[in-house]
N, C-alpha and C. Protein backbone atom coordinates (compact mmCIF):
# COMPACT_ATOMS: atom_id res chain seq x y z
N MET A 1 197.78 112.08 145.38
CA MET A 1 196.64 111.50 144.73
C MET A 1 196.30 110.16 145.18
N LEU A 2 197.31 109.22 145.41
CA LEU A 2 197.06 108.03 145.94
C LEU A 2 196.55 108.04 147.31
N GLY A 3 197.05 108.93 148.14
CA GLY A 3 196.64 109.06 149.58
C GLY A 3 195.22 109.54 149.56
N LEU A 4 194.85 110.39 148.72
CA LEU A 4 193.44 110.84 148.63
C LEU A 4 192.46 109.58 148.35
N TYR A 5 192.91 108.92 147.36
CA TYR A 5 192.03 107.66 146.98
C TYR A 5 191.99 106.71 148.20
N ALA A 6 193.10 106.41 148.81
CA ALA A 6 193.12 105.57 150.01
C ALA A 6 192.24 106.01 151.09
N ASN A 7 192.29 107.30 151.40
CA ASN A 7 191.37 107.92 152.43
C ASN A 7 189.92 107.83 151.96
N ASP A 8 189.71 107.93 150.74
CA ASP A 8 188.27 107.84 150.32
C ASP A 8 187.76 106.44 150.32
N VAL A 9 188.56 105.46 149.98
CA VAL A 9 188.15 104.05 150.07
C VAL A 9 187.93 103.66 151.59
N LEU A 10 188.83 104.10 152.45
CA LEU A 10 188.78 103.80 153.76
C LEU A 10 187.56 104.42 154.46
N CYS A 11 187.30 105.70 154.08
CA CYS A 11 185.94 106.22 154.58
C CYS A 11 184.78 105.60 154.08
N ARG A 12 184.74 105.21 152.88
CA ARG A 12 183.58 104.37 152.33
C ARG A 12 183.32 103.10 153.08
N THR A 13 184.50 102.48 153.50
CA THR A 13 184.38 101.27 154.30
C THR A 13 183.90 101.49 155.70
N ALA A 14 184.53 102.51 156.35
CA ALA A 14 184.24 102.80 157.73
C ALA A 14 182.98 103.58 157.99
N ILE A 15 182.63 104.49 157.12
CA ILE A 15 181.51 105.38 157.37
C ILE A 15 180.39 105.28 156.36
N GLY A 16 180.73 104.66 155.16
CA GLY A 16 179.68 104.49 154.32
C GLY A 16 179.60 105.55 153.20
N ARG A 17 180.43 106.47 153.23
CA ARG A 17 180.42 107.71 152.31
C ARG A 17 181.89 108.05 151.98
N GLY A 18 182.07 108.56 150.80
CA GLY A 18 183.43 109.08 150.37
C GLY A 18 183.64 110.50 150.95
N PHE A 19 184.86 110.86 151.24
CA PHE A 19 185.05 112.17 151.83
C PHE A 19 186.09 113.06 150.90
N SER A 20 186.41 112.53 149.70
CA SER A 20 187.35 113.24 148.88
C SER A 20 186.63 114.54 148.41
N GLU A 21 187.50 115.41 147.79
CA GLU A 21 186.92 116.63 147.31
C GLU A 21 185.80 116.40 146.31
N GLY A 22 184.66 117.04 146.62
CA GLY A 22 183.48 116.82 145.59
C GLY A 22 182.69 115.76 146.23
N GLY A 23 183.05 115.04 147.26
CA GLY A 23 182.19 113.90 147.88
C GLY A 23 181.24 114.45 148.67
N ASP A 24 180.35 113.58 149.28
CA ASP A 24 179.21 113.97 149.99
C ASP A 24 179.48 114.90 151.20
N TYR A 25 180.61 114.72 151.91
CA TYR A 25 180.87 115.42 152.96
C TYR A 25 181.92 116.57 152.74
N ASP A 26 182.14 116.88 151.53
CA ASP A 26 183.20 117.93 151.28
C ASP A 26 182.67 119.32 151.83
N ARG A 27 181.39 119.33 151.96
CA ARG A 27 180.78 120.65 152.43
C ARG A 27 181.32 120.97 153.90
N HIS A 28 181.76 119.82 154.56
CA HIS A 28 182.22 120.05 155.93
C HIS A 28 183.77 120.39 155.94
N GLY A 29 184.27 120.31 154.80
CA GLY A 29 185.74 120.58 154.74
C GLY A 29 186.49 119.41 155.36
N PHE A 30 186.06 118.21 155.16
CA PHE A 30 186.74 117.00 155.78
C PHE A 30 188.10 116.94 155.40
N GLN A 31 188.49 117.16 154.12
CA GLN A 31 189.85 116.97 153.66
C GLN A 31 190.66 117.96 154.38
N LYS A 32 190.40 119.20 154.54
CA LYS A 32 191.13 120.22 155.27
C LYS A 32 191.34 119.87 156.79
N MET A 33 190.23 119.36 157.34
CA MET A 33 190.28 118.90 158.68
C MET A 33 191.16 117.70 158.92
N PHE A 34 191.18 116.79 158.04
CA PHE A 34 192.06 115.63 158.10
C PHE A 34 193.49 116.00 157.94
N GLU A 35 193.79 116.97 157.02
CA GLU A 35 195.14 117.40 156.80
C GLU A 35 195.68 118.12 158.12
N GLU A 36 194.78 119.00 158.71
CA GLU A 36 195.11 119.75 160.00
C GLU A 36 195.43 118.64 161.05
N TYR A 37 194.57 117.63 161.09
CA TYR A 37 194.71 116.60 162.16
C TYR A 37 196.03 115.87 161.94
N GLN A 38 196.35 115.44 160.75
CA GLN A 38 197.62 114.88 160.51
C GLN A 38 198.78 115.60 160.77
N GLU A 39 198.68 116.96 160.52
CA GLU A 39 199.83 117.95 160.84
C GLU A 39 200.00 118.06 162.32
N LEU A 40 198.89 118.12 163.08
CA LEU A 40 198.89 118.17 164.49
C LEU A 40 199.46 116.86 165.18
N LEU A 41 199.00 115.80 164.53
CA LEU A 41 199.47 114.45 165.02
C LEU A 41 200.93 114.28 164.92
N GLY A 42 201.47 114.67 163.71
CA GLY A 42 202.86 114.50 163.46
C GLY A 42 203.82 115.52 163.97
N GLY A 43 203.24 116.59 164.55
CA GLY A 43 204.12 117.67 165.01
C GLY A 43 204.75 117.36 166.36
N PHE A 44 205.72 118.24 166.60
CA PHE A 44 206.59 118.00 167.84
C PHE A 44 205.73 118.67 169.05
N SER A 45 205.59 117.99 170.06
CA SER A 45 204.90 118.50 171.25
C SER A 45 205.77 118.48 172.50
N ILE A 46 206.28 119.56 172.89
CA ILE A 46 207.33 119.63 173.98
C ILE A 46 206.60 119.27 175.30
N GLY A 47 205.33 119.54 175.36
CA GLY A 47 204.56 119.10 176.63
C GLY A 47 204.50 117.66 176.84
N ASP A 48 204.68 116.83 175.83
CA ASP A 48 204.69 115.38 176.00
C ASP A 48 205.95 114.93 176.60
N PHE A 49 207.05 115.74 176.42
CA PHE A 49 208.32 115.39 176.98
C PHE A 49 208.54 115.99 178.32
N PHE A 50 208.10 117.18 178.39
CA PHE A 50 208.41 118.01 179.55
C PHE A 50 207.03 118.65 180.03
N PRO A 51 206.27 117.88 180.91
CA PRO A 51 204.92 118.37 181.26
C PRO A 51 204.88 119.77 181.81
N SER A 52 205.96 120.14 182.49
CA SER A 52 205.93 121.43 183.15
C SER A 52 205.99 122.63 182.11
N MET A 53 206.26 122.25 180.80
CA MET A 53 206.42 123.29 179.78
C MET A 53 205.08 123.23 178.83
N GLU A 54 204.03 122.65 179.31
CA GLU A 54 202.88 122.45 178.50
C GLU A 54 202.29 123.81 178.14
N PHE A 55 202.49 124.75 178.96
CA PHE A 55 201.94 126.16 178.73
C PHE A 55 202.31 126.77 177.48
N ILE A 56 203.53 126.23 176.90
CA ILE A 56 203.99 126.75 175.58
C ILE A 56 202.96 126.46 174.50
N HIS A 57 202.15 125.36 174.52
CA HIS A 57 201.19 125.17 173.64
C HIS A 57 200.10 126.30 173.49
N SER A 58 199.77 126.86 174.56
CA SER A 58 198.91 128.04 174.55
C SER A 58 199.57 129.21 173.95
N LEU A 59 200.84 129.42 174.12
CA LEU A 59 201.59 130.52 173.46
C LEU A 59 201.74 130.36 172.01
N THR A 60 202.00 129.19 171.51
CA THR A 60 202.25 128.92 170.15
C THR A 60 200.89 128.79 169.29
N GLY A 61 199.75 128.71 169.93
CA GLY A 61 198.49 128.50 169.29
C GLY A 61 198.12 126.99 168.98
N MET A 62 199.06 126.11 169.43
CA MET A 62 198.79 124.67 169.14
C MET A 62 197.62 124.19 169.93
N LYS A 63 197.37 124.65 171.13
CA LYS A 63 196.26 124.15 171.95
C LYS A 63 195.01 124.66 171.29
N SER A 64 194.88 125.83 170.81
CA SER A 64 193.54 126.29 170.22
C SER A 64 193.39 125.60 168.88
N ARG A 65 194.46 125.29 168.16
CA ARG A 65 194.29 124.49 166.89
C ARG A 65 193.74 123.07 167.20
N LEU A 66 194.33 122.46 168.33
CA LEU A 66 193.81 121.11 168.65
C LEU A 66 192.40 121.14 169.16
N GLN A 67 192.00 122.15 169.88
CA GLN A 67 190.59 122.25 170.35
C GLN A 67 189.65 122.45 169.20
N HIS A 68 190.04 123.30 168.25
CA HIS A 68 189.23 123.67 167.02
C HIS A 68 189.05 122.38 166.20
N THR A 69 190.16 121.69 165.86
CA THR A 69 190.05 120.49 165.18
C THR A 69 189.26 119.41 165.92
N PHE A 70 189.32 119.38 167.21
CA PHE A 70 188.47 118.25 167.93
C PHE A 70 187.07 118.67 167.76
N ARG A 71 186.68 120.00 168.00
CA ARG A 71 185.28 120.47 167.81
C ARG A 71 184.76 120.15 166.47
N CYS A 72 185.55 120.37 165.33
CA CYS A 72 185.06 120.17 163.98
C CYS A 72 184.84 118.59 163.69
N PHE A 73 185.77 117.75 164.34
CA PHE A 73 185.51 116.32 164.09
C PHE A 73 184.46 115.92 164.95
N ASP A 74 184.23 116.40 166.08
CA ASP A 74 183.11 116.01 166.99
C ASP A 74 181.75 116.29 166.28
N GLN A 75 181.63 117.54 165.69
CA GLN A 75 180.44 117.87 165.05
C GLN A 75 180.10 116.92 163.75
N LEU A 76 181.21 116.76 163.05
CA LEU A 76 181.07 115.86 161.90
C LEU A 76 180.68 114.43 162.17
N PHE A 77 181.26 113.88 163.35
CA PHE A 77 180.97 112.57 163.77
C PHE A 77 179.53 112.53 164.31
N ASP A 78 179.13 113.62 164.99
CA ASP A 78 177.78 113.67 165.49
C ASP A 78 176.79 113.61 164.35
N GLU A 79 177.03 114.27 163.29
CA GLU A 79 176.24 114.25 162.09
C GLU A 79 176.08 112.91 161.45
N ILE A 80 177.33 112.30 161.32
CA ILE A 80 177.40 110.88 160.65
C ILE A 80 176.59 109.97 161.49
N ILE A 81 176.75 110.02 162.74
CA ILE A 81 175.97 109.02 163.65
C ILE A 81 174.60 109.33 163.66
N LYS A 82 174.18 110.62 163.65
CA LYS A 82 172.82 110.87 163.56
C LYS A 82 172.25 110.45 162.18
N GLU A 83 172.93 110.50 161.14
CA GLU A 83 172.49 110.03 159.85
C GLU A 83 172.34 108.53 159.87
N HIS A 84 173.18 107.78 160.63
CA HIS A 84 173.24 106.34 160.69
C HIS A 84 171.96 105.91 161.49
N LEU A 85 171.60 106.64 162.46
CA LEU A 85 170.52 106.39 163.38
C LEU A 85 169.14 106.62 162.83
N ASN A 86 169.09 107.38 161.69
CA ASN A 86 167.90 107.94 161.10
C ASN A 86 167.22 106.62 160.57
N PRO A 87 165.98 106.25 161.04
CA PRO A 87 165.27 104.99 160.56
C PRO A 87 164.89 105.17 159.03
N GLU A 88 164.76 106.39 158.49
CA GLU A 88 164.27 106.58 157.23
C GLU A 88 165.37 106.59 156.16
N ARG A 89 166.64 106.51 156.69
CA ARG A 89 167.76 106.48 155.68
C ARG A 89 167.86 105.31 154.81
N GLU A 90 168.36 105.38 153.64
CA GLU A 90 168.39 104.30 152.64
C GLU A 90 169.36 103.37 153.15
N LYS A 91 169.03 102.09 153.41
CA LYS A 91 169.99 101.06 153.86
C LYS A 91 170.86 100.59 152.73
N GLU A 92 172.17 100.44 153.11
CA GLU A 92 173.19 100.00 152.12
C GLU A 92 173.07 98.44 152.12
N GLU A 93 173.62 97.84 150.97
CA GLU A 93 173.68 96.36 150.86
C GLU A 93 174.61 95.79 151.97
N HIS A 94 175.67 96.33 152.24
CA HIS A 94 176.67 95.97 153.30
C HIS A 94 176.67 96.96 154.31
N LYS A 95 176.77 96.50 155.57
CA LYS A 95 176.88 97.33 156.75
C LYS A 95 178.37 97.95 156.83
N ASP A 96 178.40 99.11 157.21
CA ASP A 96 179.85 99.74 157.28
C ASP A 96 180.12 99.65 158.83
N LEU A 97 181.21 100.17 159.18
CA LEU A 97 181.80 100.03 160.54
C LEU A 97 180.90 100.74 161.49
N ILE A 98 180.36 101.82 161.10
CA ILE A 98 179.48 102.64 162.07
C ILE A 98 178.19 101.87 162.35
N ASP A 99 177.64 101.24 161.36
CA ASP A 99 176.46 100.39 161.49
C ASP A 99 176.81 99.33 162.49
N VAL A 100 177.89 98.70 162.31
CA VAL A 100 178.18 97.51 163.20
C VAL A 100 178.41 97.95 164.68
N LEU A 101 179.16 99.15 164.80
CA LEU A 101 179.33 99.71 166.16
C LEU A 101 178.01 100.06 166.86
N LEU A 102 177.12 100.70 165.97
CA LEU A 102 175.84 101.15 166.63
C LEU A 102 175.00 100.01 166.97
N ASP A 103 175.07 98.96 166.07
CA ASP A 103 174.20 97.73 166.43
C ASP A 103 174.77 97.05 167.67
N THR A 104 176.10 97.01 167.78
CA THR A 104 176.74 96.50 168.98
C THR A 104 176.33 97.26 170.17
N GLN A 105 176.39 98.59 170.08
CA GLN A 105 175.92 99.34 171.25
C GLN A 105 174.54 99.15 171.68
N LYS A 106 173.64 99.14 170.62
CA LYS A 106 172.30 99.00 170.96
C LYS A 106 172.00 97.62 171.50
N ASN A 107 172.62 96.55 171.05
CA ASN A 107 172.29 95.17 171.46
C ASN A 107 173.05 94.82 172.73
N GLY A 108 174.01 95.55 173.12
CA GLY A 108 174.87 95.24 174.31
C GLY A 108 175.47 93.97 174.24
N GLU A 109 176.10 93.62 172.97
CA GLU A 109 176.66 92.30 172.77
C GLU A 109 178.00 92.16 173.44
N VAL A 110 178.63 93.24 173.99
CA VAL A 110 180.03 93.09 174.46
C VAL A 110 179.96 93.42 176.05
N GLU A 111 180.88 93.00 176.58
CA GLU A 111 180.92 92.94 178.14
C GLU A 111 180.98 94.47 178.58
N ILE A 112 181.93 95.18 177.94
CA ILE A 112 182.06 96.56 178.21
C ILE A 112 181.22 97.47 177.28
N PRO A 113 180.26 98.21 177.81
CA PRO A 113 179.38 98.96 176.90
C PRO A 113 180.10 100.00 176.14
N LEU A 114 179.66 100.13 174.83
CA LEU A 114 180.20 101.13 174.00
C LEU A 114 179.45 102.47 174.18
N THR A 115 180.14 103.55 174.44
CA THR A 115 179.47 104.78 174.49
C THR A 115 179.62 105.43 173.02
N MET A 116 178.98 106.67 172.93
CA MET A 116 179.16 107.38 171.69
C MET A 116 180.54 107.94 171.47
N ASP A 117 181.27 108.26 172.65
CA ASP A 117 182.60 108.66 172.54
C ASP A 117 183.51 107.48 172.09
N ASN A 118 183.22 106.31 172.58
CA ASN A 118 183.97 105.10 172.11
C ASN A 118 183.78 104.91 170.54
N VAL A 119 182.53 105.11 170.02
CA VAL A 119 182.24 105.00 168.67
C VAL A 119 183.07 106.12 167.82
N LYS A 120 183.03 107.35 168.40
CA LYS A 120 183.79 108.37 167.73
C LYS A 120 185.22 108.13 167.58
N ALA A 121 185.90 107.60 168.78
CA ALA A 121 187.20 107.33 168.85
C ALA A 121 187.58 106.23 167.85
N ILE A 122 186.77 105.28 167.68
CA ILE A 122 187.10 104.23 166.66
C ILE A 122 186.88 104.81 165.24
N MET A 123 186.09 105.71 165.00
CA MET A 123 185.89 106.43 163.77
C MET A 123 187.14 107.15 163.47
N LEU A 124 187.67 107.95 164.47
CA LEU A 124 188.85 108.77 164.21
C LEU A 124 190.07 107.88 164.00
N VAL A 125 190.19 106.86 164.72
CA VAL A 125 191.37 105.87 164.50
C VAL A 125 191.21 105.21 163.08
N SER A 126 190.04 104.90 162.71
CA SER A 126 189.86 104.24 161.31
C SER A 126 190.14 105.29 160.25
N ALA A 127 189.85 106.45 160.53
CA ALA A 127 190.25 107.59 159.39
C ALA A 127 191.71 107.87 159.42
N THR A 128 192.49 107.56 160.45
CA THR A 128 193.88 107.98 160.61
C THR A 128 194.89 106.91 160.13
N PHE A 129 194.69 105.73 160.61
CA PHE A 129 195.69 104.71 160.32
C PHE A 129 195.03 103.59 159.44
N PRO A 130 195.12 103.59 158.16
CA PRO A 130 194.48 102.68 157.33
C PRO A 130 194.95 101.22 157.54
N ALA A 131 196.15 101.03 157.58
CA ALA A 131 196.62 99.61 157.80
C ALA A 131 196.26 99.11 159.24
N LEU A 132 196.36 99.89 160.25
CA LEU A 132 196.02 99.63 161.51
C LEU A 132 194.53 99.46 161.63
N THR A 133 193.81 100.17 160.86
CA THR A 133 192.24 100.03 160.90
C THR A 133 191.81 98.71 160.38
N ASP A 134 192.43 98.23 159.34
CA ASP A 134 192.08 96.95 158.88
C ASP A 134 192.27 95.87 159.97
N LEU A 135 193.34 95.90 160.68
CA LEU A 135 193.64 94.93 161.82
C LEU A 135 192.69 95.10 162.85
N ILE A 136 192.43 96.30 163.28
CA ILE A 136 191.50 96.54 164.38
C ILE A 136 190.04 96.13 164.07
N ILE A 137 189.62 96.44 162.85
CA ILE A 137 188.31 95.90 162.35
C ILE A 137 188.19 94.33 162.41
N TYR A 138 189.30 93.72 161.80
CA TYR A 138 189.31 92.32 161.96
C TYR A 138 189.24 91.73 163.32
N ILE A 139 190.08 92.30 164.22
CA ILE A 139 190.09 91.90 165.64
C ILE A 139 188.75 92.15 166.29
N LEU A 140 188.05 93.28 166.00
CA LEU A 140 186.79 93.59 166.58
C LEU A 140 185.77 92.70 166.16
N PHE A 141 185.77 92.23 164.83
CA PHE A 141 184.74 91.41 164.37
C PHE A 141 184.97 89.89 164.96
N GLU A 142 186.25 89.50 165.07
CA GLU A 142 186.51 88.20 165.72
C GLU A 142 186.20 88.24 167.16
N VAL A 143 186.38 89.27 167.88
CA VAL A 143 186.10 89.34 169.26
C VAL A 143 184.42 89.31 169.42
N LEU A 144 183.87 90.09 168.60
CA LEU A 144 182.28 90.19 168.60
C LEU A 144 181.66 88.74 168.36
N LYS A 145 182.34 87.99 167.40
CA LYS A 145 181.85 86.67 167.06
C LYS A 145 182.18 85.68 168.23
N ALA A 146 183.23 85.96 168.94
CA ALA A 146 183.69 84.89 169.94
C ALA A 146 182.94 85.18 171.31
N VAL A 147 182.25 86.34 171.40
CA VAL A 147 181.59 86.70 172.65
C VAL A 147 180.18 86.12 172.67
N ASN A 148 179.83 85.31 171.85
CA ASN A 148 178.45 84.82 171.80
C ASN A 148 178.30 83.67 172.87
N TYR A 149 178.36 83.88 174.11
CA TYR A 149 178.22 82.86 175.12
C TYR A 149 177.28 83.32 176.16
N PRO A 150 176.60 82.38 176.90
CA PRO A 150 175.59 82.85 177.88
C PRO A 150 176.18 83.82 178.92
N ARG A 151 175.38 84.80 179.30
CA ARG A 151 175.83 85.82 180.17
C ARG A 151 176.15 85.32 181.56
N ASN A 152 175.41 84.23 181.94
CA ASN A 152 175.58 83.74 183.37
C ASN A 152 176.73 82.70 183.50
N SER A 153 177.40 82.42 182.40
CA SER A 153 178.43 81.45 182.34
C SER A 153 179.71 82.19 183.03
N GLU A 154 180.41 81.53 183.93
CA GLU A 154 181.60 82.10 184.44
C GLU A 154 182.84 82.20 183.68
N THR A 155 182.96 81.09 182.85
CA THR A 155 184.14 81.08 181.99
C THR A 155 183.63 80.88 180.48
N PRO A 156 183.86 81.72 179.66
CA PRO A 156 183.36 81.63 178.36
C PRO A 156 184.16 80.60 177.56
N PRO A 157 183.47 79.87 176.72
CA PRO A 157 184.14 78.79 175.87
C PRO A 157 185.09 79.50 174.86
N VAL A 158 186.17 78.85 174.73
CA VAL A 158 187.19 79.29 173.76
C VAL A 158 186.77 78.81 172.34
N PRO A 159 186.58 79.63 171.42
CA PRO A 159 186.18 79.29 169.96
C PRO A 159 187.33 78.38 169.36
N ALA A 160 186.89 77.41 168.68
CA ALA A 160 187.84 76.43 168.09
C ALA A 160 188.86 77.13 167.17
N SER A 161 188.44 78.21 166.59
CA SER A 161 189.34 78.85 165.59
C SER A 161 190.50 79.53 166.37
N LEU A 162 190.34 79.77 167.65
CA LEU A 162 191.36 80.44 168.51
C LEU A 162 192.33 79.41 169.17
N ILE A 163 192.02 78.22 169.09
CA ILE A 163 192.93 77.19 169.88
C ILE A 163 194.02 76.83 168.96
N VAL A 164 195.18 76.99 169.51
CA VAL A 164 196.46 76.63 168.76
C VAL A 164 197.16 75.45 169.47
N GLU A 165 197.29 74.33 168.76
CA GLU A 165 197.83 73.09 169.35
C GLU A 165 199.30 73.08 168.96
N SER A 166 200.12 72.74 169.90
CA SER A 166 201.56 72.63 169.67
C SER A 166 201.97 71.19 169.75
N PRO A 167 202.98 70.86 168.84
CA PRO A 167 203.38 69.44 168.90
C PRO A 167 204.02 69.06 170.24
N PRO A 168 203.92 67.88 170.61
CA PRO A 168 204.56 67.49 171.94
C PRO A 168 206.05 67.72 171.83
N SER A 169 206.63 68.25 172.99
CA SER A 169 208.06 68.42 173.04
C SER A 169 208.71 67.09 173.36
N PRO A 170 210.01 67.02 172.67
CA PRO A 170 210.66 65.69 172.89
C PRO A 170 211.32 65.68 174.25
N VAL A 171 211.18 64.41 174.88
CA VAL A 171 211.68 64.20 176.21
C VAL A 171 213.21 64.04 176.15
N ARG A 172 213.91 64.90 176.92
CA ARG A 172 215.38 64.69 177.03
C ARG A 172 215.82 64.06 178.30
N ALA A 173 216.80 63.29 178.16
CA ALA A 173 217.27 62.60 179.32
C ALA A 173 218.39 63.37 180.01
């Protein structure tokens, strides 16, 4: 029950909607997809340890389960992104992670361009690791704030908040 609540809060933060049973996206079976994803993620994969034995995944059905789960998430994320790109959608008071990523992609604010696959990957990570997601979001926002320097500058200025001064070391004889 607590895990379901945590996932719902996390999805509201990252995507702008809740995904718990009875939520907006329950018609997609998000909860079942997420459980399948967690099971596959936590399962033993002999191909990771012995690449020559990767064919076993085809025999056990693990490969088809992975591909099916990937396609389901890909379709869901496409729909979420399409919904966020719709100019007629009702704007929220606060931007969620998807809005920030799409704005960053559109404005080209980062040196390495964000593709839709990058946005989907961040969505998947944010739905998987709640504690890690908070850290990633914080780092992403700090990096995006720190990257506001002229494009033609060869060395970007270091933001004052990132400078750490150490006390002088004592001189030993």
